[in-house]
N, C-alpha and C. Protein backbone atom coordinates (compact mmCIF):
# COMPACT_ATOMS: atom_id res chain seq x y z
N UNK A 1 92.94 66.74 74.18
CA UNK A 1 92.75 67.94 74.96
C UNK A 1 91.41 68.56 74.56
N UNK A 2 90.70 69.05 75.52
CA UNK A 2 89.38 69.61 75.25
C UNK A 2 89.50 71.03 74.69
N UNK A 3 88.38 71.52 74.21
CA UNK A 3 88.39 72.88 73.67
C UNK A 3 88.63 73.89 74.80
N UNK A 4 88.23 73.56 76.03
CA UNK A 4 88.50 74.45 77.16
C UNK A 4 90.00 74.59 77.38
N UNK A 5 90.72 73.50 77.30
CA UNK A 5 92.16 73.53 77.45
C UNK A 5 92.82 74.35 76.35
N UNK A 6 92.35 74.15 75.12
CA UNK A 6 92.88 74.94 74.00
C UNK A 6 92.61 76.42 74.20
N UNK A 7 91.41 76.75 74.64
CA UNK A 7 91.06 78.15 74.85
C UNK A 7 91.88 78.77 75.97
N UNK A 8 92.16 78.02 77.03
CA UNK A 8 92.98 78.55 78.12
C UNK A 8 94.41 78.81 77.65
N UNK A 9 94.96 77.90 76.87
CA UNK A 9 96.31 78.09 76.34
C UNK A 9 96.34 79.29 75.40
N UNK A 10 95.35 79.40 74.53
CA UNK A 10 95.28 80.52 73.61
C UNK A 10 95.13 81.85 74.36
N UNK A 11 94.31 81.87 75.40
CA UNK A 11 94.14 83.08 76.21
C UNK A 11 95.46 83.47 76.89
N UNK A 12 96.19 82.49 77.40
CA UNK A 12 97.48 82.78 78.04
C UNK A 12 98.47 83.37 77.05
N UNK A 13 98.51 82.84 75.84
CA UNK A 13 99.43 83.35 74.82
C UNK A 13 99.04 84.77 74.42
N UNK A 14 97.75 85.02 74.23
CA UNK A 14 97.29 86.35 73.83
C UNK A 14 97.55 87.36 74.94
N UNK A 15 97.26 87.01 76.20
CA UNK A 15 97.49 87.94 77.31
C UNK A 15 98.98 88.25 77.47
N UNK A 16 99.82 87.26 77.29
CA UNK A 16 101.26 87.49 77.36
C UNK A 16 101.72 88.41 76.25
N UNK A 17 101.20 88.20 75.05
CA UNK A 17 101.56 89.06 73.92
C UNK A 17 101.11 90.50 74.14
N UNK A 18 99.91 90.68 74.66
CA UNK A 18 99.41 92.02 74.94
C UNK A 18 100.25 92.70 76.02
N UNK A 19 100.62 91.95 77.05
CA UNK A 19 101.44 92.53 78.12
C UNK A 19 102.80 92.96 77.58
N UNK A 20 103.41 92.16 76.74
CA UNK A 20 104.71 92.52 76.16
C UNK A 20 104.56 93.74 75.26
N UNK A 21 103.50 93.79 74.47
CA UNK A 21 103.24 94.93 73.59
C UNK A 21 103.09 96.22 74.40
N UNK A 22 102.31 96.16 75.46
CA UNK A 22 102.08 97.36 76.28
C UNK A 22 103.37 97.80 76.96
N UNK A 23 104.14 96.86 77.49
CA UNK A 23 105.40 97.23 78.15
C UNK A 23 106.39 97.82 77.17
N UNK A 24 106.35 97.35 75.92
CA UNK A 24 107.31 97.83 74.92
C UNK A 24 106.94 99.23 74.41
N UNK A 25 105.69 99.43 74.04
CA UNK A 25 105.28 100.68 73.42
C UNK A 25 104.75 101.72 74.41
N UNK A 26 104.29 101.30 75.56
CA UNK A 26 103.77 102.22 76.57
C UNK A 26 104.47 101.97 77.90
N UNK A 27 105.79 101.97 77.89
CA UNK A 27 106.59 101.61 79.06
C UNK A 27 106.36 102.50 80.26
N UNK A 28 106.33 103.84 80.05
CA UNK A 28 106.12 104.76 81.17
C UNK A 28 104.75 104.57 81.78
N UNK A 29 103.74 104.43 80.93
CA UNK A 29 102.38 104.26 81.43
C UNK A 29 102.24 102.94 82.20
N UNK A 30 102.77 101.86 81.63
CA UNK A 30 102.63 100.57 82.29
C UNK A 30 103.43 100.54 83.60
N UNK A 31 104.58 101.21 83.62
CA UNK A 31 105.35 101.29 84.86
C UNK A 31 104.60 102.04 85.94
N UNK A 32 103.88 103.11 85.54
CA UNK A 32 103.08 103.87 86.51
C UNK A 32 101.93 103.02 87.04
N UNK A 33 101.34 102.20 86.18
CA UNK A 33 100.24 101.34 86.62
C UNK A 33 100.72 100.26 87.58
N UNK A 34 101.89 99.69 87.31
CA UNK A 34 102.46 98.69 88.22
C UNK A 34 102.76 99.33 89.57
N UNK A 35 103.31 100.55 89.54
CA UNK A 35 103.60 101.26 90.78
C UNK A 35 102.33 101.54 91.56
N UNK A 36 101.27 101.89 90.87
CA UNK A 36 99.98 102.18 91.50
C UNK A 36 99.42 100.93 92.20
N UNK A 37 99.47 99.79 91.49
CA UNK A 37 99.00 98.53 92.08
C UNK A 37 99.86 98.15 93.27
N UNK A 38 101.18 98.32 93.15
CA UNK A 38 102.09 97.98 94.26
C UNK A 38 101.77 98.83 95.49
N UNK A 39 101.51 100.12 95.30
CA UNK A 39 101.16 100.99 96.44
C UNK A 39 99.88 100.54 97.11
N UNK A 40 98.87 100.15 96.32
CA UNK A 40 97.60 99.68 96.89
C UNK A 40 97.83 98.41 97.70
N UNK A 41 98.61 97.47 97.15
CA UNK A 41 98.86 96.21 97.85
C UNK A 41 99.65 96.43 99.13
N UNK A 42 100.61 97.35 99.12
CA UNK A 42 101.40 97.63 100.32
C UNK A 42 100.51 98.20 101.41
N UNK A 43 99.57 99.05 101.05
CA UNK A 43 98.66 99.63 102.05
C UNK A 43 97.73 98.59 102.66
N UNK A 44 97.37 97.54 101.91
CA UNK A 44 96.45 96.53 102.43
C UNK A 44 97.09 95.65 103.51
N UNK A 45 98.40 95.48 103.42
CA UNK A 45 99.10 94.72 104.45
C UNK A 45 99.05 93.22 104.23
N UNK A 46 99.67 92.49 105.14
CA UNK A 46 99.69 91.03 105.08
C UNK A 46 100.48 90.52 103.90
N UNK A 47 100.00 89.41 103.32
CA UNK A 47 100.70 88.82 102.19
C UNK A 47 100.63 89.71 100.96
N UNK A 48 99.59 90.56 100.89
CA UNK A 48 99.48 91.48 99.75
C UNK A 48 100.59 92.52 99.79
N UNK A 49 101.02 92.92 100.99
CA UNK A 49 102.12 93.87 101.12
C UNK A 49 103.41 93.26 100.59
N UNK A 50 103.61 91.98 100.84
CA UNK A 50 104.81 91.31 100.33
C UNK A 50 104.81 91.29 98.80
N UNK A 51 103.65 91.04 98.21
CA UNK A 51 103.54 91.07 96.75
C UNK A 51 103.77 92.49 96.24
N UNK A 52 103.22 93.49 96.92
CA UNK A 52 103.41 94.88 96.53
C UNK A 52 104.86 95.31 96.59
N UNK A 53 105.56 94.87 97.62
CA UNK A 53 106.99 95.21 97.75
C UNK A 53 107.77 94.56 96.61
N UNK A 54 107.42 93.34 96.28
CA UNK A 54 108.11 92.66 95.17
C UNK A 54 107.83 93.36 93.83
N UNK A 55 106.58 93.77 93.61
CA UNK A 55 106.25 94.51 92.40
C UNK A 55 106.99 95.84 92.35
N UNK A 56 107.07 96.50 93.49
CA UNK A 56 107.76 97.78 93.58
C UNK A 56 109.23 97.61 93.24
N UNK A 57 109.84 96.54 93.71
CA UNK A 57 111.25 96.28 93.45
C UNK A 57 111.47 95.96 91.98
N UNK A 58 110.55 95.20 91.36
CA UNK A 58 110.71 94.83 89.96
C UNK A 58 110.50 96.01 89.03
N UNK A 59 109.67 96.95 89.41
CA UNK A 59 109.42 98.10 88.55
C UNK A 59 110.48 99.17 88.73
N UNK A 60 111.45 98.95 89.59
CA UNK A 60 112.54 99.89 89.76
C UNK A 60 112.36 100.79 90.95
N UNK A 61 111.20 100.82 91.54
CA UNK A 61 110.97 101.65 92.71
C UNK A 61 111.18 103.11 92.39
N UNK A 62 111.82 103.86 93.29
CA UNK A 62 112.07 105.27 93.11
C UNK A 62 113.49 105.53 92.60
N UNK A 63 114.24 104.48 92.30
CA UNK A 63 115.63 104.64 91.90
C UNK A 63 115.72 105.11 90.46
N UNK A 64 116.74 105.91 90.18
CA UNK A 64 117.05 106.27 88.82
C UNK A 64 118.54 106.07 88.60
N UNK A 65 119.01 106.40 87.44
CA UNK A 65 120.42 106.11 87.12
C UNK A 65 121.39 106.99 87.88
N UNK A 66 120.91 108.04 88.54
CA UNK A 66 121.82 108.89 89.31
C UNK A 66 121.96 108.40 90.75
N UNK A 67 121.29 107.31 91.11
CA UNK A 67 121.32 106.81 92.48
C UNK A 67 122.50 105.90 92.76
N UNK A 68 123.33 105.66 91.78
CA UNK A 68 124.46 104.77 91.99
C UNK A 68 124.37 103.57 91.08
N UNK A 69 125.45 102.83 91.03
CA UNK A 69 125.52 101.71 90.11
C UNK A 69 124.51 100.63 90.45
N UNK A 70 123.83 100.17 89.45
CA UNK A 70 122.87 99.07 89.51
C UNK A 70 121.64 99.37 90.36
N UNK A 71 121.35 100.65 90.64
CA UNK A 71 120.13 100.96 91.37
C UNK A 71 118.91 100.83 90.47
N UNK A 72 119.12 100.94 89.15
CA UNK A 72 118.01 100.81 88.22
C UNK A 72 118.10 99.51 87.44
N UNK A 73 118.99 98.62 87.82
CA UNK A 73 119.24 97.33 87.15
C UNK A 73 119.64 97.52 85.71
N UNK A 74 120.25 98.65 85.39
CA UNK A 74 120.68 98.92 84.03
C UNK A 74 122.14 98.59 83.81
N UNK A 75 122.91 98.46 84.88
CA UNK A 75 124.34 98.18 84.75
C UNK A 75 124.56 96.67 84.69
N UNK A 76 125.56 96.28 83.92
CA UNK A 76 125.93 94.87 83.89
C UNK A 76 126.72 94.57 85.15
N UNK A 77 126.33 93.55 85.85
CA UNK A 77 127.05 93.20 87.07
C UNK A 77 128.13 92.18 86.74
N UNK A 78 129.01 91.97 87.69
CA UNK A 78 130.11 91.04 87.49
C UNK A 78 129.59 89.61 87.32
N UNK A 79 128.46 89.33 87.96
CA UNK A 79 127.92 87.98 87.89
C UNK A 79 127.29 87.68 86.53
N UNK A 80 126.76 88.70 85.84
CA UNK A 80 126.07 88.43 84.59
C UNK A 80 126.98 88.45 83.38
N UNK A 81 128.03 89.26 83.38
CA UNK A 81 128.90 89.37 82.22
C UNK A 81 130.35 89.24 82.65
N UNK A 82 130.99 88.22 82.18
CA UNK A 82 132.40 88.01 82.46
C UNK A 82 133.17 88.25 81.16
N UNK A 83 134.42 88.71 81.26
CA UNK A 83 135.19 88.95 80.03
C UNK A 83 135.29 87.72 79.14
N UNK A 84 135.29 86.53 79.71
CA UNK A 84 135.38 85.32 78.90
C UNK A 84 134.10 85.07 78.10
N UNK A 85 132.99 85.73 78.49
CA UNK A 85 131.72 85.54 77.79
C UNK A 85 131.54 86.53 76.64
N UNK A 86 132.38 87.56 76.58
CA UNK A 86 132.24 88.56 75.55
C UNK A 86 132.74 88.02 74.22
N UNK A 87 132.04 88.38 73.17
CA UNK A 87 132.38 87.91 71.83
C UNK A 87 132.78 89.12 70.99
N UNK A 88 133.90 89.03 70.31
CA UNK A 88 134.32 90.12 69.45
C UNK A 88 133.45 90.13 68.19
N UNK A 89 132.94 91.29 67.87
CA UNK A 89 132.08 91.43 66.69
C UNK A 89 132.78 92.36 65.71
N UNK A 90 132.96 91.87 64.50
CA UNK A 90 133.60 92.68 63.47
C UNK A 90 132.52 93.33 62.62
N UNK A 91 132.78 94.54 62.24
CA UNK A 91 131.82 95.29 61.43
C UNK A 91 132.06 94.96 59.96
N UNK A 92 131.01 94.53 59.30
CA UNK A 92 131.13 94.20 57.87
C UNK A 92 130.64 95.39 57.06
N UNK A 93 131.37 95.66 55.95
CA UNK A 93 130.98 96.80 55.10
C UNK A 93 130.34 96.33 53.84
């Protein structure tokens, strides 16, 4: 593999790490930036509007936890957690 390939892989790993860091420690700010980009893409129209709508949906849109169950993707749905998948955890002292 050439040094260009190594550099591209290293850049992808670093950018992914930075994105995870920003989302973890600056969640409100990064969510606002995603919303801002989604609004710009929706206004442009065409295929960019489809990407903007998808970004808007992934960032939660305007929904909050008072909008009903699973409007903010915070509730466990029946499809993701079944009683047979739950594991009993005992507290050790």
